[in-house]
Amino acid sequence: MSDGNIVLQVTNGTRVHKSILRANSEVFRDIFNAADALREELIDGLPVVKLHDAVEDWEVVLGSLYQLFHMNPFLNDLTFPQLKPMLQLGRNYQFDGMLKASLK
């Protein structure tokens, strides 16, 4: 997202909205509340959160978050390989709503 206000760096970096991550993840809420952790590195003047997960997994998770996964019936049609990143990152980063929706 070009208007994102934080960079998630899995490879080159993806701009996302703090508000989306904060609203959906206890882990990111804690990261953003510890502001000192985000002052170390900037890209284009934006704070960077470095992640060590597969970029493909984050593409699935971010796509789900931005499509309001909890209101989207498409989850019923996903295969396990499509759900796997949502389950793994949902657990690792405490995306509780995504995790709950993925397990239905």
PDB file of N, CA and C in Angstrom:
ATOM      1  N   MET A   1       0.840  -1.183   0.000  1.00  0.00           N
ATOM      2  CA  MET A   1       0.000   0.000   0.000  1.00  0.00           C
ATOM      3  C   MET A   1       0.882   1.242   0.000  1.00  0.00           C
ATOM      4  N   SER A   2       0.752   2.054  -0.989  1.00  0.00           N
ATOM      5  CA  SER A   2       1.618   3.231  -1.089  1.00  0.00           C
ATOM      6  C   SER A   2       1.371   4.228   0.033  1.00  0.00           C
ATOM      7  N   ASP A   3       0.197   4.198   0.647  1.00  0.00           N
ATOM      8  CA  ASP A   3      -0.074   5.138   1.739  1.00  0.00           C
ATOM      9  C   ASP A   3       0.109   4.491   3.112  1.00  0.00           C
ATOM     10  N   GLY A   4       0.716   3.308   3.139  1.00  0.00           N
ATOM     11  CA  GLY A   4       0.985   2.639   4.414  1.00  0.00           C
ATOM     12  C   GLY A   4       1.928   3.465   5.271  1.00  0.00           C
ATOM     13  N   ASN A   5       1.858   3.288   6.580  1.00  0.00           N
ATOM     14  CA  ASN A   5       2.680   4.098   7.483  1.00  0.00           C
ATOM     15  C   ASN A   5       3.684   3.274   8.277  1.00  0.00           C
ATOM     16  N   ILE A   6       3.902   2.031   7.841  1.00  0.00           N
ATOM     17  CA  ILE A   6       4.958   1.189   8.419  1.00  0.00           C
ATOM     18  C   ILE A   6       5.409   0.221   7.333  1.00  0.00           C
ATOM     19  N   VAL A   7       6.664  -0.201   7.406  1.00  0.00           N
ATOM     20  CA  VAL A   7       7.199  -1.143   6.422  1.00  0.00           C
ATOM     21  C   VAL A   7       7.415  -2.489   7.097  1.00  0.00           C
ATOM     22  N   LEU A   8       6.793  -3.541   6.546  1.00  0.00           N
ATOM     23  CA  LEU A   8       7.084  -4.905   6.968  1.00  0.00           C
ATOM     24  C   LEU A   8       8.155  -5.407   6.021  1.00  0.00           C
ATOM     25  N   GLN A   9       9.321  -5.711   6.535  1.00  0.00           N
ATOM     26  CA  GLN A   9      10.415  -6.138   5.677  1.00  0.00           C
ATOM     27  C   GLN A   9      10.590  -7.642   5.765  1.00  0.00           C
ATOM     28  N   VAL A  10      10.052  -8.317   4.756  1.00  0.00           N
ATOM     29  CA  VAL A  10      10.242  -9.747   4.619  1.00  0.00           C
ATOM     30  C   VAL A  10      11.349  -9.958   3.593  1.00  0.00           C
ATOM     31  N   THR A  11      11.279  -9.243   2.489  1.00  0.00           N
ATOM     32  CA  THR A  11      12.375  -9.181   1.518  1.00  0.00           C
ATOM     33  C   THR A  11      12.670  -7.711   1.280  1.00  0.00           C
ATOM     34  N   ASN A  12      12.067  -7.145   0.250  1.00  0.00           N
ATOM     35  CA  ASN A  12      12.320  -5.739  -0.069  1.00  0.00           C
ATOM     36  C   ASN A  12      11.553  -4.771   0.816  1.00  0.00           C
ATOM     37  N   GLY A  13      10.465  -5.187   1.372  1.00  0.00           N
ATOM     38  CA  GLY A  13       9.662  -4.313   2.222  1.00  0.00           C
ATOM     39  C   GLY A  13       8.323  -4.004   1.588  1.00  0.00           C
ATOM     40  N   THR A  14       7.292  -4.077   2.373  1.00  0.00           N
ATOM     41  CA  THR A  14       5.934  -3.791   1.941  1.00  0.00           C
ATOM     42  C   THR A  14       5.335  -2.784   2.896  1.00  0.00           C
ATOM     43  N   ARG A  15       4.792  -1.719   2.348  1.00  0.00           N
ATOM     44  CA  ARG A  15       4.126  -0.724   3.191  1.00  0.00           C
ATOM     45  C   ARG A  15       2.736  -1.214   3.547  1.00  0.00           C
ATOM     46  N   VAL A  16       2.437  -1.172   4.812  1.00  0.00           N
ATOM     47  CA  VAL A  16       1.111  -1.553   5.294  1.00  0.00           C
ATOM     48  C   VAL A  16       0.657  -0.518   6.320  1.00  0.00           C
ATOM     49  N   HIS A  17      -0.564  -0.638   6.749  1.00  0.00           N
ATOM     50  CA  HIS A  17      -1.121   0.299   7.720  1.00  0.00           C
ATOM     51  C   HIS A  17      -0.995  -0.271   9.128  1.00  0.00           C
ATOM     52  N   LYS A  18      -0.399   0.511  10.002  1.00  0.00           N
ATOM     53  CA  LYS A  18      -0.288   0.093  11.404  1.00  0.00           C
ATOM     54  C   LYS A  18      -1.656  -0.247  11.972  1.00  0.00           C
ATOM     55  N   SER A  19      -2.635   0.547  11.610  1.00  0.00           N
ATOM     56  CA  SER A  19      -3.968   0.363  12.190  1.00  0.00           C
ATOM     57  C   SER A  19      -4.542  -1.016  11.864  1.00  0.00           C
ATOM     58  N   ILE A  20      -4.270  -1.532  10.666  1.00  0.00           N
ATOM     59  CA  ILE A  20      -4.751  -2.866  10.292  1.00  0.00           C
ATOM     60  C   ILE A  20      -4.066  -3.928  11.147  1.00  0.00           C
ATOM     61  N   LEU A  21      -2.738  -3.809  11.274  1.00  0.00           N
ATOM     62  CA  LEU A  21      -1.991  -4.785  12.074  1.00  0.00           C
ATOM     63  C   LEU A  21      -2.349  -4.677  13.550  1.00  0.00           C
ATOM     64  N   ARG A  22      -2.428  -3.459  14.039  1.00  0.00           N
ATOM     65  CA  ARG A  22      -2.739  -3.234  15.461  1.00  0.00           C
ATOM     66  C   ARG A  22      -4.131  -3.775  15.808  1.00  0.00           C
ATOM     67  N   ALA A  23      -5.087  -3.574  14.930  1.00  0.00           N
ATOM     68  CA  ALA A  23      -6.457  -4.010  15.203  1.00  0.00           C
ATOM     69  C   ALA A  23      -6.612  -5.529  15.186  1.00  0.00           C
ATOM     70  N   ASN A  24      -5.687  -6.214  14.506  1.00  0.00           N
ATOM     71  CA  ASN A  24      -5.848  -7.650  14.321  1.00  0.00           C
ATOM     72  C   ASN A  24      -4.812  -8.517  15.010  1.00  0.00           C
ATOM     73  N   SER A  25      -3.781  -7.915  15.603  1.00  0.00           N
ATOM     74  CA  SER A  25      -2.689  -8.716  16.162  1.00  0.00           C
ATOM     75  C   SER A  25      -2.187  -8.163  17.484  1.00  0.00           C
ATOM     76  N   GLU A  26      -2.253  -9.006  18.501  1.00  0.00           N
ATOM     77  CA  GLU A  26      -1.713  -8.629  19.814  1.00  0.00           C
ATOM     78  C   GLU A  26      -0.206  -8.405  19.732  1.00  0.00           C
ATOM     79  N   VAL A  27       0.478  -9.205  18.945  1.00  0.00           N
ATOM     80  CA  VAL A  27       1.933  -9.072  18.806  1.00  0.00           C
ATOM     81  C   VAL A  27       2.292  -7.713  18.214  1.00  0.00           C
ATOM     82  N   PHE A  28       1.611  -7.317  17.145  1.00  0.00           N
ATOM     83  CA  PHE A  28       1.917  -6.020  16.540  1.00  0.00           C
ATOM     84  C   PHE A  28       1.493  -4.865  17.443  1.00  0.00           C
ATOM     85  N   ARG A  29       0.423  -5.047  18.193  1.00  0.00           N
ATOM     86  CA  ARG A  29       0.039  -4.016  19.170  1.00  0.00           C
ATOM     87  C   ARG A  29       1.184  -3.782  20.143  1.00  0.00           C
ATOM     88  N   ASP A  30       1.775  -4.864  20.637  1.00  0.00           N
ATOM     89  CA  ASP A  30       2.906  -4.745  21.565  1.00  0.00           C
ATOM     90  C   ASP A  30       4.118  -4.112  20.898  1.00  0.00           C
ATOM     91  N   ILE A  31       4.396  -4.501  19.669  1.00  0.00           N
ATOM     92  CA  ILE A  31       5.533  -3.912  18.942  1.00  0.00           C
ATOM     93  C   ILE A  31       5.344  -2.413  18.789  1.00  0.00           C
ATOM     94  N   PHE A  32       4.163  -1.999  18.387  1.00  0.00           N
ATOM     95  CA  PHE A  32       3.928  -0.571  18.158  1.00  0.00           C
ATOM     96  C   PHE A  32       3.894   0.217  19.457  1.00  0.00           C
ATOM     97  N   ASN A  33       3.489  -0.418  20.542  1.00  0.00           N
ATOM     98  CA  ASN A  33       3.504   0.257  21.839  1.00  0.00           C
ATOM     99  C   ASN A  33       4.919   0.441  22.366  1.00  0.00           C
ATOM    100  N   ALA A  34       5.832  -0.415  21.943  1.00  0.00           N
ATOM    101  CA  ALA A  34       7.249  -0.277  22.307  1.00  0.00           C
ATOM    102  C   ALA A  34       7.928   0.547  21.214  1.00  0.00           C
ATOM    103  N   ALA A  35       7.623   1.819  21.163  1.00  0.00           N
ATOM    104  CA  ALA A  35       8.050   2.701  20.073  1.00  0.00           C
ATOM    105  C   ALA A  35       9.555   2.698  19.847  1.00  0.00           C
ATOM    106  N   ASP A  36      10.346   2.492  20.884  1.00  0.00           N
ATOM    107  CA  ASP A  36      11.799   2.497  20.722  1.00  0.00           C
ATOM    108  C   ASP A  36      12.264   1.420  19.752  1.00  0.00           C
ATOM    109  N   ALA A  37      11.547   0.320  19.696  1.00  0.00           N
ATOM    110  CA  ALA A  37      11.930  -0.773  18.805  1.00  0.00           C
ATOM    111  C   ALA A  37      11.812  -0.378  17.340  1.00  0.00           C
ATOM    112  N   LEU A  38      11.005   0.630  17.036  1.00  0.00           N
ATOM    113  CA  LEU A  38      10.790   1.035  15.652  1.00  0.00           C
ATOM    114  C   LEU A  38      11.639   2.231  15.241  1.00  0.00           C
ATOM    115  N   ARG A  39      12.496   2.713  16.081  1.00  0.00           N
ATOM    116  CA  ARG A  39      13.294   3.895  15.756  1.00  0.00           C
ATOM    117  C   ARG A  39      14.653   3.547  15.172  1.00  0.00           C
ATOM    118  N   GLU A  40      14.993   2.276  15.175  1.00  0.00           N
ATOM    119  CA  GLU A  40      16.320   1.869  14.735  1.00  0.00           C
ATOM    120  C   GLU A  40      16.524   2.022  13.241  1.00  0.00           C
ATOM    121  N   GLU A  41      15.558   1.647  12.437  1.00  0.00           N
ATOM    122  CA  GLU A  41      15.727   1.663  10.991  1.00  0.00           C
ATOM    123  C   GLU A  41      14.505   2.284  10.333  1.00  0.00           C
ATOM    124  N   LEU A  42      14.757   3.085   9.297  1.00  0.00           N
ATOM    125  CA  LEU A  42      13.691   3.714   8.530  1.00  0.00           C
ATOM    126  C   LEU A  42      13.901   3.416   7.049  1.00  0.00           C
ATOM    127  N   ILE A  43      12.819   3.259   6.326  1.00  0.00           N
ATOM    128  CA  ILE A  43      12.829   3.190   4.869  1.00  0.00           C
ATOM    129  C   ILE A  43      11.856   4.248   4.393  1.00  0.00           C
ATOM    130  N   ASP A  44      12.334   5.158   3.571  1.00  0.00           N
ATOM    131  CA  ASP A  44      11.511   6.279   3.095  1.00  0.00           C
ATOM    132  C   ASP A  44      10.861   7.019   4.259  1.00  0.00           C
ATOM    133  N   GLY A  45      11.567   7.108   5.378  1.00  0.00           N
ATOM    134  CA  GLY A  45      11.079   7.824   6.546  1.00  0.00           C
ATOM    135  C   GLY A  45      10.080   7.056   7.390  1.00  0.00           C
ATOM    136  N   LEU A  46       9.825   5.802   7.039  1.00  0.00           N
ATOM    137  CA  LEU A  46       8.850   4.990   7.778  1.00  0.00           C
ATOM    138  C   LEU A  46       9.568   3.943   8.621  1.00  0.00           C
ATOM    139  N   PRO A  47       9.044   3.638   9.812  1.00  0.00           N
ATOM    140  CA  PRO A  47       9.651   2.598  10.646  1.00  0.00           C
ATOM    141  C   PRO A  47       9.553   1.231   9.974  1.00  0.00           C
ATOM    142  N   VAL A  48      10.520   0.379  10.289  1.00  0.00           N
ATOM    143  CA  VAL A  48      10.616  -0.946   9.680  1.00  0.00           C
ATOM    144  C   VAL A  48      10.453  -2.021  10.752  1.00  0.00           C
ATOM    145  N   VAL A  49       9.656  -3.026  10.441  1.00  0.00           N
ATOM    146  CA  VAL A  49       9.556  -4.227  11.268  1.00  0.00           C
ATOM    147  C   VAL A  49      10.104  -5.366  10.414  1.00  0.00           C
ATOM    148  N   LYS A  50      11.228  -5.940  10.837  1.00  0.00           N
ATOM    149  CA  LYS A  50      11.839  -7.041  10.090  1.00  0.00           C
ATOM    150  C   LYS A  50      11.209  -8.359  10.513  1.00  0.00           C
ATOM    151  N   LEU A  51      10.830  -9.147   9.506  1.00  0.00           N
ATOM    152  CA  LEU A  51      10.190 -10.436   9.738  1.00  0.00           C
ATOM    153  C   LEU A  51      10.989 -11.523   9.034  1.00  0.00           C
ATOM    154  N   HIS A  52      10.907 -12.723   9.535  1.00  0.00           N
ATOM    155  CA  HIS A  52      11.696 -13.819   8.979  1.00  0.00           C
ATOM    156  C   HIS A  52      10.811 -14.948   8.461  1.00  0.00           C
ATOM    157  N   ASP A  53       9.647 -14.590   7.992  1.00  0.00           N
ATOM    158  CA  ASP A  53       8.711 -15.562   7.450  1.00  0.00           C
ATOM    159  C   ASP A  53       8.794 -15.518   5.923  1.00  0.00           C
ATOM    160  N   ALA A  54       8.161 -16.462   5.272  1.00  0.00           N
ATOM    161  CA  ALA A  54       8.141 -16.494   3.810  1.00  0.00           C
ATOM    162  C   ALA A  54       7.299 -15.342   3.272  1.00  0.00           C
ATOM    163  N   VAL A  55       7.813 -14.681   2.252  1.00  0.00           N
ATOM    164  CA  VAL A  55       7.097 -13.556   1.656  1.00  0.00           C
ATOM    165  C   VAL A  55       5.740 -14.011   1.121  1.00  0.00           C
ATOM    166  N   GLU A  56       5.673 -15.218   0.586  1.00  0.00           N
ATOM    167  CA  GLU A  56       4.412 -15.736   0.055  1.00  0.00           C
ATOM    168  C   GLU A  56       3.362 -15.866   1.154  1.00  0.00           C
ATOM    169  N   ASP A  57       3.797 -16.262   2.349  1.00  0.00           N
ATOM    170  CA  ASP A  57       2.867 -16.377   3.476  1.00  0.00           C
ATOM    171  C   ASP A  57       2.300 -15.016   3.848  1.00  0.00           C
ATOM    172  N   TRP A  58       3.160 -14.000   3.875  1.00  0.00           N
ATOM    173  CA  TRP A  58       2.689 -12.656   4.210  1.00  0.00           C
ATOM    174  C   TRP A  58       1.766 -12.105   3.134  1.00  0.00           C
ATOM    175  N   GLU A  59       1.989 -12.473   1.876  1.00  0.00           N
ATOM    176  CA  GLU A  59       1.077 -12.028   0.815  1.00  0.00           C
ATOM    177  C   GLU A  59      -0.329 -12.552   1.074  1.00  0.00           C
ATOM    178  N   VAL A  60      -0.436 -13.816   1.481  1.00  0.00           N
ATOM    179  CA  VAL A  60      -1.741 -14.410   1.790  1.00  0.00           C
ATOM    180  C   VAL A  60      -2.364 -13.723   3.002  1.00  0.00           C
ATOM    181  N   VAL A  61      -1.583 -13.564   4.057  1.00  0.00           N
ATOM    182  CA  VAL A  61      -2.102 -12.989   5.301  1.00  0.00           C
ATOM    183  C   VAL A  61      -2.524 -11.537   5.097  1.00  0.00           C
ATOM    184  N   LEU A  62      -1.677 -10.744   4.466  1.00  0.00           N
ATOM    185  CA  LEU A  62      -2.032  -9.339   4.251  1.00  0.00           C
ATOM    186  C   LEU A  62      -3.227  -9.212   3.319  1.00  0.00           C
ATOM    187  N   GLY A  63      -3.281 -10.056   2.289  1.00  0.00           N
ATOM    188  CA  GLY A  63      -4.447 -10.049   1.408  1.00  0.00           C
ATOM    189  C   GLY A  63      -5.719 -10.348   2.177  1.00  0.00           C
ATOM    190  N   SER A  64      -5.631 -11.298   3.090  1.00  0.00           N
ATOM    191  CA  SER A  64      -6.795 -11.650   3.911  1.00  0.00           C
ATOM    192  C   SER A  64      -7.189 -10.508   4.834  1.00  0.00           C
ATOM    193  N   LEU A  65      -6.199  -9.881   5.460  1.00  0.00           N
ATOM    194  CA  LEU A  65      -6.497  -8.773   6.371  1.00  0.00           C
ATOM    195  C   LEU A  65      -7.137  -7.605   5.637  1.00  0.00           C
ATOM    196  N   TYR A  66      -6.626  -7.290   4.475  1.00  0.00           N
ATOM    197  CA  TYR A  66      -7.159  -6.151   3.739  1.00  0.00           C
ATOM    198  C   TYR A  66      -8.492  -6.457   3.073  1.00  0.00           C
ATOM    199  N   GLN A  67      -8.827  -7.724   2.908  1.00  0.00           N
ATOM    200  CA  GLN A  67     -10.126  -8.098   2.332  1.00  0.00           C
ATOM    201  C   GLN A  67     -11.161  -8.379   3.409  1.00  0.00           C
ATOM    202  N   LEU A  68     -10.836  -8.033   4.640  1.00  0.00           N
ATOM    203  CA  LEU A  68     -11.765  -8.273   5.753  1.00  0.00           C
ATOM    204  C   LEU A  68     -12.213  -9.733   5.787  1.00  0.00           C
ATOM    205  N   PHE A  69     -11.209 -10.615   5.982  1.00  0.00           N
ATOM    206  CA  PHE A  69     -11.423 -12.060   5.949  1.00  0.00           C
ATOM    207  C   PHE A  69     -12.622 -12.506   6.759  1.00  0.00           C
ATOM    208  N   HIS A  70     -12.919 -11.831   7.860  1.00  0.00           N
ATOM    209  CA  HIS A  70     -14.001 -12.294   8.732  1.00  0.00           C
ATOM    210  C   HIS A  70     -15.379 -12.077   8.128  1.00  0.00           C
ATOM    211  N   MET A  71     -15.458 -11.274   7.080  1.00  0.00           N
ATOM    212  CA  MET A  71     -16.741 -11.035   6.428  1.00  0.00           C
ATOM    213  C   MET A  71     -16.781 -11.701   5.057  1.00  0.00           C
ATOM    214  N   ASN A  72     -15.740 -12.420   4.688  1.00  0.00           N
ATOM    215  CA  ASN A  72     -15.608 -12.936   3.341  1.00  0.00           C
ATOM    216  C   ASN A  72     -15.855 -14.446   3.314  1.00  0.00           C
ATOM    217  N   PRO A  73     -16.849 -14.891   2.564  1.00  0.00           N
ATOM    218  CA  PRO A  73     -17.166 -16.318   2.530  1.00  0.00           C
ATOM    219  C   PRO A  73     -16.153 -17.157   1.754  1.00  0.00           C
ATOM    220  N   PHE A  74     -15.158 -16.543   1.125  1.00  0.00           N
ATOM    221  CA  PHE A  74     -14.197 -17.283   0.317  1.00  0.00           C
ATOM    222  C   PHE A  74     -13.404 -18.297   1.137  1.00  0.00           C
ATOM    223  N   LEU A  75     -13.339 -18.158   2.454  1.00  0.00           N
ATOM    224  CA  LEU A  75     -12.577 -19.092   3.288  1.00  0.00           C
ATOM    225  C   LEU A  75     -13.055 -20.532   3.118  1.00  0.00           C
ATOM    226  N   ASN A  76     -14.335 -20.726   2.844  1.00  0.00           N
ATOM    227  CA  ASN A  76     -14.871 -22.078   2.676  1.00  0.00           C
ATOM    228  C   ASN A  76     -14.281 -22.785   1.470  1.00  0.00           C
ATOM    229  N   ASP A  77     -13.815 -22.026   0.488  1.00  0.00           N
ATOM    230  CA  ASP A  77     -13.314 -22.607  -0.754  1.00  0.00           C
ATOM    231  C   ASP A  77     -11.801 -22.747  -0.792  1.00  0.00           C
ATOM    232  N   LEU A  78     -11.097 -22.355   0.266  1.00  0.00           N
ATOM    233  CA  LEU A  78      -9.641 -22.418   0.267  1.00  0.00           C
ATOM    234  C   LEU A  78      -9.148 -23.835   0.548  1.00  0.00           C
ATOM    235  N   THR A  79      -8.045 -24.186  -0.096  1.00  0.00           N
ATOM    236  CA  THR A  79      -7.401 -25.469   0.154  1.00  0.00           C
ATOM    237  C   THR A  79      -6.458 -25.320   1.343  1.00  0.00           C
ATOM    238  N   PHE A  80      -5.969 -26.455   1.864  1.00  0.00           N
ATOM    239  CA  PHE A  80      -5.062 -26.375   3.002  1.00  0.00           C
ATOM    240  C   PHE A  80      -3.806 -25.564   2.690  1.00  0.00           C
ATOM    241  N   PRO A  81      -3.161 -25.749   1.513  1.00  0.00           N
ATOM    242  CA  PRO A  81      -1.979 -24.918   1.234  1.00  0.00           C
ATOM    243  C   PRO A  81      -2.285 -23.418   1.244  1.00  0.00           C
ATOM    244  N   GLN A  82      -3.512 -23.047   0.907  1.00  0.00           N
ATOM    245  CA  GLN A  82      -3.900 -21.639   0.955  1.00  0.00           C
ATOM    246  C   GLN A  82      -4.176 -21.188   2.390  1.00  0.00           C
ATOM    247  N   LEU A  83      -4.700 -22.085   3.206  1.00  0.00           N
ATOM    248  CA  LEU A  83      -5.000 -21.751   4.604  1.00  0.00           C
ATOM    249  C   LEU A  83      -3.770 -21.812   5.508  1.00  0.00           C
ATOM    250  N   LYS A  84      -2.780 -22.604   5.121  1.00  0.00           N
ATOM    251  CA  LYS A  84      -1.615 -22.834   5.975  1.00  0.00           C
ATOM    252  C   LYS A  84      -0.939 -21.544   6.437  1.00  0.00           C
ATOM    253  N   PRO A  85      -0.653 -20.564   5.543  1.00  0.00           N
ATOM    254  CA  PRO A  85      -0.028 -19.327   6.028  1.00  0.00           C
ATOM    255  C   PRO A  85      -0.903 -18.579   7.029  1.00  0.00           C
ATOM    256  N   MET A  86      -2.218 -18.627   6.818  1.00  0.00           N
ATOM    257  CA  MET A  86      -3.121 -17.940   7.734  1.00  0.00           C
ATOM    258  C   MET A  86      -3.084 -18.605   9.103  1.00  0.00           C
ATOM    259  N   LEU A  87      -2.962 -19.923   9.120  1.00  0.00           N
ATOM    260  CA  LEU A  87      -2.885 -20.647  10.388  1.00  0.00           C
ATOM    261  C   LEU A  87      -1.547 -20.408  11.081  1.00  0.00           C
ATOM    262  N   GLN A  88      -0.461 -20.515  10.319  1.00  0.00           N
ATOM    263  CA  GLN A  88       0.868 -20.350  10.919  1.00  0.00           C
ATOM    264  C   GLN A  88       1.102 -18.930  11.419  1.00  0.00           C
ATOM    265  N   LEU A  89       0.922 -17.950  10.542  1.00  0.00           N
ATOM    266  CA  LEU A  89       1.170 -16.571  10.954  1.00  0.00           C
ATOM    267  C   LEU A  89       0.086 -16.087  11.904  1.00  0.00           C
ATOM    268  N   GLY A  90      -1.124 -16.626  11.759  1.00  0.00           N
ATOM    269  CA  GLY A  90      -2.181 -16.293  12.699  1.00  0.00           C
ATOM    270  C   GLY A  90      -1.808 -16.679  14.118  1.00  0.00           C
ATOM    271  N   ARG A  91      -1.185 -17.844  14.252  1.00  0.00           N
ATOM    272  CA  ARG A  91      -0.732 -18.298  15.568  1.00  0.00           C
ATOM    273  C   ARG A  91       0.503 -17.516  16.022  1.00  0.00           C
ATOM    274  N   ASN A  92       1.486 -17.379  15.138  1.00  0.00           N
ATOM    275  CA  ASN A  92       2.752 -16.729  15.510  1.00  0.00           C
ATOM    276  C   ASN A  92       2.593 -15.266  15.904  1.00  0.00           C
ATOM    277  N   TYR A  93       1.702 -14.550  15.210  1.00  0.00           N
ATOM    278  CA  TYR A  93       1.549 -13.116  15.450  1.00  0.00           C
ATOM    279  C   TYR A  93       0.230 -12.778  16.141  1.00  0.00           C
ATOM    280  N   GLN A  94      -0.453 -13.786  16.608  1.00  0.00           N
ATOM    281  CA  GLN A  94      -1.713 -13.629  17.339  1.00  0.00           C
ATOM    282  C   GLN A  94      -2.747 -12.824  16.549  1.00  0.00           C
ATOM    283  N   PHE A  95      -2.933 -13.214  15.286  1.00  0.00           N
ATOM    284  CA  PHE A  95      -4.046 -12.697  14.499  1.00  0.00           C
ATOM    285  C   PHE A  95      -5.237 -13.578  14.873  1.00  0.00           C
ATOM    286  N   ASP A  96      -5.810 -13.344  16.028  1.00  0.00           N
ATOM    287  CA  ASP A  96      -6.809 -14.248  16.595  1.00  0.00           C
ATOM    288  C   ASP A  96      -8.046 -14.409  15.721  1.00  0.00           C
ATOM    289  N   GLY A  97      -8.532 -13.327  15.155  1.00  0.00           N
ATOM    290  CA  GLY A  97      -9.711 -13.415  14.292  1.00  0.00           C
ATOM    291  C   GLY A  97      -9.440 -14.241  13.050  1.00  0.00           C
ATOM    292  N   MET A  98      -8.269 -14.047  12.443  1.00  0.00           N
ATOM    293  CA  MET A  98      -7.898 -14.814  11.259  1.00  0.00           C
ATOM    294  C   MET A  98      -7.748 -16.288  11.605  1.00  0.00           C
ATOM    295  N   LEU A  99      -7.119 -16.555  12.714  1.00  0.00           N
ATOM    296  CA  LEU A  99      -6.911 -17.934  13.140  1.00  0.00           C
ATOM    297  C   LEU A  99      -8.251 -18.622  13.383  1.00  0.00           C
ATOM    298  N   LYS A 100      -9.137 -17.947  14.061  1.00  0.00           N
ATOM    299  CA  LYS A 100     -10.461 -18.511  14.351  1.00  0.00           C
ATOM    300  C   LYS A 100     -11.235 -18.767  13.059  1.00  0.00           C
ATOM    301  N   ALA A 101     -11.202 -17.802  12.139  1.00  0.00           N
ATOM    302  CA  ALA A 101     -11.912 -17.962  10.870  1.00  0.00           C
ATOM    303  C   ALA A 101     -11.310 -19.086  10.037  1.00  0.00           C
ATOM    304  N   SER A 102     -10.002 -19.251  10.091  1.00  0.00           N
ATOM    305  CA  SER A 102      -9.319 -20.291   9.313  1.00  0.00           C
ATOM    306  C   SER A 102      -9.629 -21.688   9.826  1.00  0.00           C
ATOM    307  N   LEU A 103      -9.922 -21.802  11.096  1.00  0.00           N
ATOM    308  CA  LEU A 103     -10.187 -23.108  11.697  1.00  0.00           C
ATOM    309  C   LEU A 103     -11.627 -23.575  11.520  1.00  0.00           C
ATOM    310  N   LYS A 104     -12.498 -22.712  11.042  1.00  0.00           N
ATOM    311  CA  LYS A 104     -13.915 -23.086  10.863  1.00  0.00           C
ATOM    312  C   LYS A 104     -14.082 -24.083   9.744  1.00  0.00           C
TER     313      LYS A 104
END
